[in-house]
Amino acid sequence: MSGKLGFALAATFIFSASVATAAPDDMTVIASQGGQNLTYLDIDMAVQKVPEGDRAHFIDSPKRIQSLILNLLLQKQLAADAVKSGLDGTPEMKAATGAKKTKLLAEAQLAHFRESLVIPDLSELAREKYIAQPEKYVAAENVEVQQVFISVSARSNPEAKAIAERVLAEAKSGTDFDALVAKYSDETNKAQTLGIVKSADKRAVSPELAKAIGELVIPGTFSSPVDATGGYYVLKLLARTPQRQLSFEEARDQIITSLKSEYVKKAVSNYVDQLRNKPIDADSGRIEALRTRYGSVPAIPPASPAPKAAVPAAKH
């Protein structure tokens, strides 16, 4: 190769003005990293995903070439690690070939790396996190209602409103609300749900319903008929549980789950960075030749100069 470049300086080989030295052989190596070689054939296979008419424009970009080369080198290194891990013996891997196999192996290696991580005991760190910001760990307010829904799809709006008002009157007179749901509600699943909606404050289908739910404070009270999506609703408040602070014991599993996710994410990022940061051995001339490998991008003609404004004749 014509020159070694560190990861941080990878862009410099793309902007090289040297004359292309690429051989016509598709297996010509244009860059290497971590013992893995990248060839013209690898680039060709990757660029096949781009519509043929757009390839010349796509590859005529130093930034895109840089990104493509670095990503393919990373993928090849991950695939090589997958082979070392014995992940190439499955029927799927044996059946795959070329770039597809490299991609499958790289994905399998990342999954294997995550699954193989030994996560330390995070209990003390979880406690420290809770003590530092206890306000982050709360049980949200929860509202549970029971509803009778009177649809306007099979009747006029005034008729639906009249039925809803009748439901409210019967509810206030002491009629069992379950019986009102069974008799009047047009919900198709009322036999299963009895009209009960849990977390109703979060599931309100319209601002009108949300407002009515917010105004119900005492369990057992009813809303006036609510004109909302699709018809009228009469609501009965079953329970309103206010927001409260969670104890550490209640929040512990939530915090540890979050810490584990962060631990795995950081470990994977460090692993990938180790591969990306290995020295790159690249041929700047062969890489420069990629810019015209799929044709030349037509030059944009220079803009015509603006016509000069006429100079008024001098007055004598």
Protein backbone atom coordinates (compact mmCIF):
# COMPACT_ATOMS: atom_id res chain seq x y z
CA MET A 1 0.00 0.00 0.00
CA SER A 2 1.12 3.53 -0.67
CA GLY A 3 0.58 4.97 2.78
CA LYS A 4 -0.58 4.23 6.33
CA LEU A 5 -3.21 6.46 7.84
CA GLY A 6 -4.63 6.61 11.36
CA PHE A 7 -8.38 6.60 11.79
CA ALA A 8 -8.49 10.27 12.71
CA LEU A 9 -6.71 11.17 9.44
CA ALA A 10 -8.73 8.84 7.23
CA ALA A 11 -10.19 11.72 5.24
CA THR A 12 -6.78 12.77 3.93
CA PHE A 13 -6.40 9.80 1.62
CA ILE A 14 -9.71 10.62 -0.01
CA PHE A 15 -8.63 14.13 -0.89
CA SER A 16 -5.33 13.00 -2.34
CA ALA A 17 -4.61 14.47 -5.73
CA SER A 18 -2.29 11.63 -6.75
CA VAL A 19 -2.74 9.81 -10.05
CA ALA A 20 -4.81 6.60 -9.76
CA THR A 21 -2.73 3.43 -9.59
CA ALA A 22 -5.57 0.90 -9.54
CA ALA A 23 -5.10 -2.26 -11.50
CA PRO A 24 -8.07 -3.46 -13.58
CA ASP A 25 -8.42 -6.54 -11.33
CA ASP A 26 -11.52 -6.26 -9.10
CA MET A 27 -9.59 -8.02 -6.34
CA THR A 28 -7.12 -5.15 -6.12
CA VAL A 29 -6.80 -4.09 -2.48
CA ILE A 30 -7.53 -0.43 -1.89
CA ALA A 31 -7.43 -0.34 1.94
CA SER A 32 -6.71 -2.63 4.89
CA GLN A 33 -7.46 -2.48 8.60
CA GLY A 34 -7.14 -5.02 11.38
CA GLY A 35 -5.89 -7.68 8.99
CA GLN A 36 -8.88 -7.30 6.66
CA ASN A 37 -8.55 -6.19 3.04
CA LEU A 38 -11.03 -4.07 1.11
CA THR A 39 -11.11 -4.52 -2.66
CA TYR A 40 -12.74 -2.90 -5.63
CA LEU A 41 -15.15 -5.85 -5.71
CA ASP A 42 -16.26 -5.04 -2.14
CA ILE A 43 -16.98 -1.46 -3.20
CA ASP A 44 -18.81 -2.65 -6.32
CA MET A 45 -21.05 -4.93 -4.26
CA ALA A 46 -21.89 -2.12 -1.86
CA VAL A 47 -22.59 0.41 -4.62
CA GLN A 48 -24.98 -2.02 -6.33
CA LYS A 49 -27.60 -0.88 -3.81
CA VAL A 50 -27.54 2.56 -5.46
CA PRO A 51 -29.59 2.91 -8.68
CA GLU A 52 -27.24 2.58 -11.64
CA GLY A 53 -27.96 6.05 -12.94
CA ASP A 54 -27.05 7.59 -9.58
CA ARG A 55 -23.81 5.71 -8.89
CA ALA A 56 -21.43 8.17 -10.54
CA HIS A 57 -22.87 11.05 -8.53
CA PHE A 58 -22.98 8.96 -5.32
CA ILE A 59 -19.32 7.95 -5.46
CA ASP A 60 -18.07 11.37 -6.59
CA SER A 61 -18.04 12.53 -2.99
CA PRO A 62 -14.99 12.31 -0.72
CA LYS A 63 -17.17 12.14 2.39
CA ARG A 64 -19.32 9.31 1.03
CA ILE A 65 -16.23 7.37 -0.09
CA GLN A 66 -14.69 7.79 3.35
CA SER A 67 -17.84 6.66 5.13
CA LEU A 68 -18.28 3.68 2.79
CA ILE A 69 -14.70 2.47 3.20
CA LEU A 70 -14.65 2.83 6.98
CA ASN A 71 -17.98 1.06 7.40
CA LEU A 72 -16.99 -1.82 5.12
CA LEU A 73 -13.68 -2.24 6.94
CA LEU A 74 -15.51 -2.33 10.26
CA GLN A 75 -17.96 -4.89 8.90
CA LYS A 76 -15.13 -7.11 7.69
CA GLN A 77 -13.39 -6.96 11.08
CA LEU A 78 -16.62 -7.88 12.87
CA ALA A 79 -17.14 -10.77 10.45
CA ALA A 80 -13.61 -12.01 11.13
CA ASP A 81 -14.28 -11.91 14.86
CA ALA A 82 -17.50 -13.84 14.25
CA VAL A 83 -15.53 -16.62 12.58
CA LYS A 84 -13.14 -16.70 15.55
CA SER A 85 -16.20 -16.99 17.80
CA GLY A 86 -17.41 -19.98 15.78
CA LEU A 87 -20.53 -18.21 14.50
CA ASP A 88 -20.07 -19.26 10.87
CA GLY A 89 -21.25 -22.84 11.30
CA THR A 90 -25.01 -22.33 11.14
CA PRO A 91 -26.95 -23.40 8.01
CA GLU A 92 -27.79 -19.74 7.32
CA MET A 93 -24.14 -18.72 7.39
CA LYS A 94 -23.04 -21.68 5.28
CA ALA A 95 -25.64 -20.85 2.65
CA ALA A 96 -24.72 -17.16 2.47
CA THR A 97 -21.92 -15.84 0.26
CA GLY A 98 -20.05 -12.64 -0.46
CA ALA A 99 -21.20 -9.34 0.98
CA LYS A 100 -24.38 -10.86 2.40
CA LYS A 101 -22.38 -13.36 4.45
CA THR A 102 -20.06 -10.63 5.71
CA LYS A 103 -23.06 -8.56 6.82
CA LEU A 104 -24.73 -11.54 8.55
CA LEU A 105 -21.51 -12.44 10.35
CA ALA A 106 -20.98 -8.85 11.49
CA GLU A 107 -24.51 -8.68 12.90
CA ALA A 108 -24.10 -12.06 14.58
CA GLN A 109 -20.83 -10.96 16.18
CA LEU A 110 -22.38 -7.83 17.68
CA ALA A 111 -25.27 -9.90 19.08
CA HIS A 112 -22.80 -12.49 20.43
CA PHE A 113 -20.71 -9.75 22.04
CA ARG A 114 -23.77 -8.33 23.82
CA GLU A 115 -24.92 -11.74 25.02
CA SER A 116 -21.44 -12.67 26.24
CA LEU A 117 -21.00 -9.60 28.41
CA VAL A 118 -20.66 -10.28 32.11
CA ILE A 119 -22.56 -7.45 33.78
CA PRO A 120 -21.36 -6.60 37.28
CA ASP A 121 -23.61 -6.13 40.31
CA LEU A 122 -25.12 -2.68 39.84
CA SER A 123 -27.09 -2.52 43.10
CA GLU A 124 -24.91 0.07 44.82
CA LEU A 125 -24.72 2.23 41.72
CA ALA A 126 -28.51 2.02 41.47
CA ARG A 127 -28.86 3.22 45.07
CA GLU A 128 -26.49 6.13 44.40
CA LYS A 129 -28.47 7.08 41.33
CA TYR A 130 -31.72 7.01 43.32
CA ILE A 131 -30.29 9.11 46.17
CA ALA A 132 -28.93 11.67 43.71
CA GLN A 133 -32.27 12.19 41.91
CA PRO A 134 -35.19 10.59 43.78
CA GLU A 135 -37.63 12.90 42.02
CA LYS A 136 -37.07 10.97 38.78
CA TYR A 137 -38.68 7.88 40.24
CA VAL A 138 -42.38 8.38 40.80
CA ALA A 139 -45.56 6.41 40.25
CA ALA A 140 -47.62 8.52 37.87
CA GLU A 141 -51.19 9.48 38.66
CA ASN A 142 -53.64 6.85 37.49
CA VAL A 143 -57.32 7.33 36.76
CA GLU A 144 -59.78 4.48 36.22
CA VAL A 145 -63.27 5.14 34.83
CA GLN A 146 -66.27 3.22 33.60
CA GLN A 147 -68.04 4.55 30.55
CA VAL A 148 -71.26 4.26 28.60
CA PHE A 149 -70.71 5.18 24.95
CA ILE A 150 -73.67 6.26 22.79
CA SER A 151 -72.67 6.23 19.13
CA VAL A 152 -73.97 8.73 16.55
CA SER A 153 -73.35 6.34 13.68
CA ALA A 154 -76.81 4.71 13.95
CA ARG A 155 -78.79 7.71 15.25
CA SER A 156 -78.87 11.47 15.10
CA ASN A 157 -76.78 13.64 17.39
CA PRO A 158 -79.83 14.89 19.35
CA GLU A 159 -81.06 11.30 19.81
CA ALA A 160 -77.63 10.20 21.08
CA LYS A 161 -77.47 13.13 23.48
CA ALA A 162 -80.96 12.32 24.82
CA ILE A 163 -79.97 8.72 25.51
CA ALA A 164 -76.78 9.89 27.27
CA GLU A 165 -78.82 12.22 29.47
CA ARG A 166 -81.15 9.33 30.31
CA VAL A 167 -78.12 7.20 31.28
CA LEU A 168 -76.85 9.97 33.58
CA ALA A 169 -80.27 10.37 35.22
CA GLU A 170 -80.60 6.65 35.86
CA ALA A 171 -77.02 6.49 37.22
CA LYS A 172 -77.72 9.34 39.65
CA SER A 173 -80.95 7.63 40.75
CA GLY A 174 -78.92 4.59 41.85
CA THR A 175 -79.19 2.22 38.89
CA ASP A 176 -76.18 -0.12 38.80
CA PHE A 177 -73.68 1.27 36.29
CA ASP A 178 -72.77 -2.22 35.06
CA ALA A 179 -76.41 -2.65 34.08
CA LEU A 180 -76.37 0.72 32.27
CA VAL A 181 -73.29 -0.32 30.32
CA ALA A 182 -74.96 -3.57 29.31
CA LYS A 183 -78.23 -1.86 28.33
CA TYR A 184 -77.10 1.30 26.58
CA SER A 185 -73.42 1.26 25.60
CA ASP A 186 -72.51 0.80 21.93
CA GLU A 187 -68.99 -0.41 22.65
CA THR A 188 -68.43 -3.71 20.83
CA ASN A 189 -66.32 -5.20 23.63
CA LYS A 190 -68.51 -4.13 26.55
CA ALA A 191 -69.22 -7.75 27.55
CA GLN A 192 -65.49 -8.24 28.19
CA THR A 193 -64.57 -4.83 29.63
CA LEU A 194 -67.85 -3.73 31.30
CA GLY A 195 -66.86 -0.29 29.98
CA ILE A 196 -63.92 -0.05 32.38
CA VAL A 197 -60.95 1.99 31.12
CA LYS A 198 -57.72 1.83 33.10
CA SER A 199 -55.21 4.68 32.84
CA ALA A 200 -58.07 6.66 31.33
CA ASP A 201 -56.22 9.96 31.74
CA LYS A 202 -53.55 8.68 29.34
CA ARG A 203 -55.93 7.02 26.89
CA ALA A 204 -58.48 9.77 26.35
CA VAL A 205 -59.32 9.91 22.66
CA SER A 206 -60.21 13.60 22.60
CA PRO A 207 -59.58 16.84 24.53
CA GLU A 208 -63.24 16.85 25.62
CA LEU A 209 -62.88 13.43 27.26
CA ALA A 210 -59.55 14.38 28.84
CA LYS A 211 -61.17 17.49 30.34
CA ALA A 212 -64.12 15.51 31.70
CA ILE A 213 -61.83 12.88 33.22
CA GLY A 214 -59.74 15.62 34.83
CA GLU A 215 -62.82 17.12 36.48
CA LEU A 216 -63.85 13.85 38.16
CA VAL A 217 -62.33 13.89 41.65
CA ILE A 218 -64.43 11.74 43.98
CA PRO A 219 -64.83 8.05 43.13
CA GLY A 220 -68.44 7.17 42.36
CA THR A 221 -69.29 10.52 40.76
CA PHE A 222 -70.46 10.92 37.17
CA SER A 223 -69.69 13.26 34.32
CA SER A 224 -72.30 15.10 32.30
CA PRO A 225 -72.68 13.67 28.75
CA VAL A 226 -69.46 14.38 26.87
CA ASP A 227 -69.72 15.14 23.14
CA ALA A 228 -66.51 13.56 21.87
CA THR A 229 -65.18 11.35 19.11
CA GLY A 230 -67.98 9.31 17.54
CA GLY A 231 -70.71 10.07 20.02
CA TYR A 232 -71.53 10.84 23.64
CA TYR A 233 -69.88 9.44 26.77
CA VAL A 234 -71.12 9.22 30.34
CA LEU A 235 -68.28 8.54 32.75
CA LYS A 236 -68.15 7.17 36.27
CA LEU A 237 -64.96 7.65 38.27
CA LEU A 238 -63.86 4.36 39.80
CA ALA A 239 -60.50 5.38 41.23
CA ARG A 240 -57.99 8.21 41.13
CA THR A 241 -54.55 7.37 42.48
CA PRO A 242 -52.36 10.47 42.84
CA GLN A 243 -48.73 10.61 41.80
CA ARG A 244 -46.39 9.49 44.56
CA GLN A 245 -42.69 9.08 45.22
CA LEU A 246 -41.40 5.54 44.74
CA SER A 247 -39.20 4.04 47.43
CA PHE A 248 -35.80 2.73 46.37
CA GLU A 249 -37.06 -0.84 46.67
CA GLU A 250 -39.91 -0.04 44.26
CA ALA A 251 -37.63 1.78 41.81
CA ARG A 252 -34.66 -0.61 42.08
CA ASP A 253 -35.51 -2.91 39.16
CA GLN A 254 -36.29 0.04 36.90
CA ILE A 255 -32.96 1.71 37.73
CA ILE A 256 -30.92 -1.48 37.33
CA THR A 257 -32.56 -2.21 33.95
CA SER A 258 -31.56 1.26 32.78
CA LEU A 259 -28.00 0.85 34.11
CA LYS A 260 -27.62 -2.52 32.40
CA SER A 261 -28.74 -1.02 29.11
CA GLU A 262 -26.21 1.80 29.49
CA TYR A 263 -23.46 -0.68 30.41
CA VAL A 264 -24.10 -2.83 27.34
CA LYS A 265 -24.37 0.18 25.04
CA LYS A 266 -21.06 1.57 26.28
CA ALA A 267 -19.30 -1.80 26.05
CA VAL A 268 -20.47 -2.29 22.46
CA SER A 269 -19.42 1.26 21.58
CA ASN A 270 -15.95 0.68 23.07
CA TYR A 271 -15.57 -2.60 21.18
CA VAL A 272 -16.55 -1.00 17.87
CA ASP A 273 -14.27 1.99 18.53
CA GLN A 274 -11.32 -0.36 19.14
CA LEU A 275 -11.86 -1.85 15.70
CA ARG A 276 -12.39 1.52 14.02
CA ASN A 277 -9.29 3.01 15.64
CA LYS A 278 -6.88 0.42 14.29
CA PRO A 279 -4.39 1.84 11.76
CA ILE A 280 -5.61 1.99 8.16
CA ASP A 281 -3.28 1.10 5.31
CA ALA A 282 -4.69 2.73 2.20
CA ASP A 283 -3.70 3.43 -1.40
CA SER A 284 -4.75 7.03 -2.01
CA GLY A 285 -4.44 6.72 -5.79
CA ARG A 286 -6.70 3.71 -5.98
CA ILE A 287 -9.21 5.37 -3.69
CA GLU A 288 -9.16 8.53 -5.80
CA ALA A 289 -9.93 6.35 -8.84
CA LEU A 290 -13.23 5.35 -7.23
CA ARG A 291 -14.63 8.78 -8.05
CA THR A 292 -14.80 7.90 -11.75
CA ARG A 293 -15.21 4.10 -11.48
CA TYR A 294 -18.92 4.29 -12.33
CA GLY A 295 -18.73 7.11 -14.84
CA SER A 296 -18.07 10.82 -14.71
CA VAL A 297 -20.39 13.42 -13.26
CA PRO A 298 -21.13 16.10 -15.88
CA ALA A 299 -19.50 19.38 -15.02
CA ILE A 300 -21.85 22.16 -14.03
CA PRO A 301 -21.41 25.03 -16.51
CA PRO A 302 -20.40 28.32 -14.97
CA ALA A 303 -23.22 30.76 -14.44
CA SER A 304 -23.53 33.43 -17.10
CA PRO A 305 -22.47 36.85 -15.85
CA ALA A 306 -25.34 39.21 -15.12
CA PRO A 307 -25.85 41.80 -17.83
CA LYS A 308 -24.41 45.16 -17.02
CA ALA A 309 -26.89 47.87 -16.29
CA ALA A 310 -27.09 50.54 -18.94
CA VAL A 311 -25.25 53.70 -18.03
CA PRO A 312 -27.45 56.74 -18.59
CA ALA A 313 -26.03 59.28 -20.99
CA ALA A 314 -24.42 62.31 -19.40
CA LYS A 315 -26.46 65.50 -19.57
CA HIS A 316 -24.77 68.54 -21.06
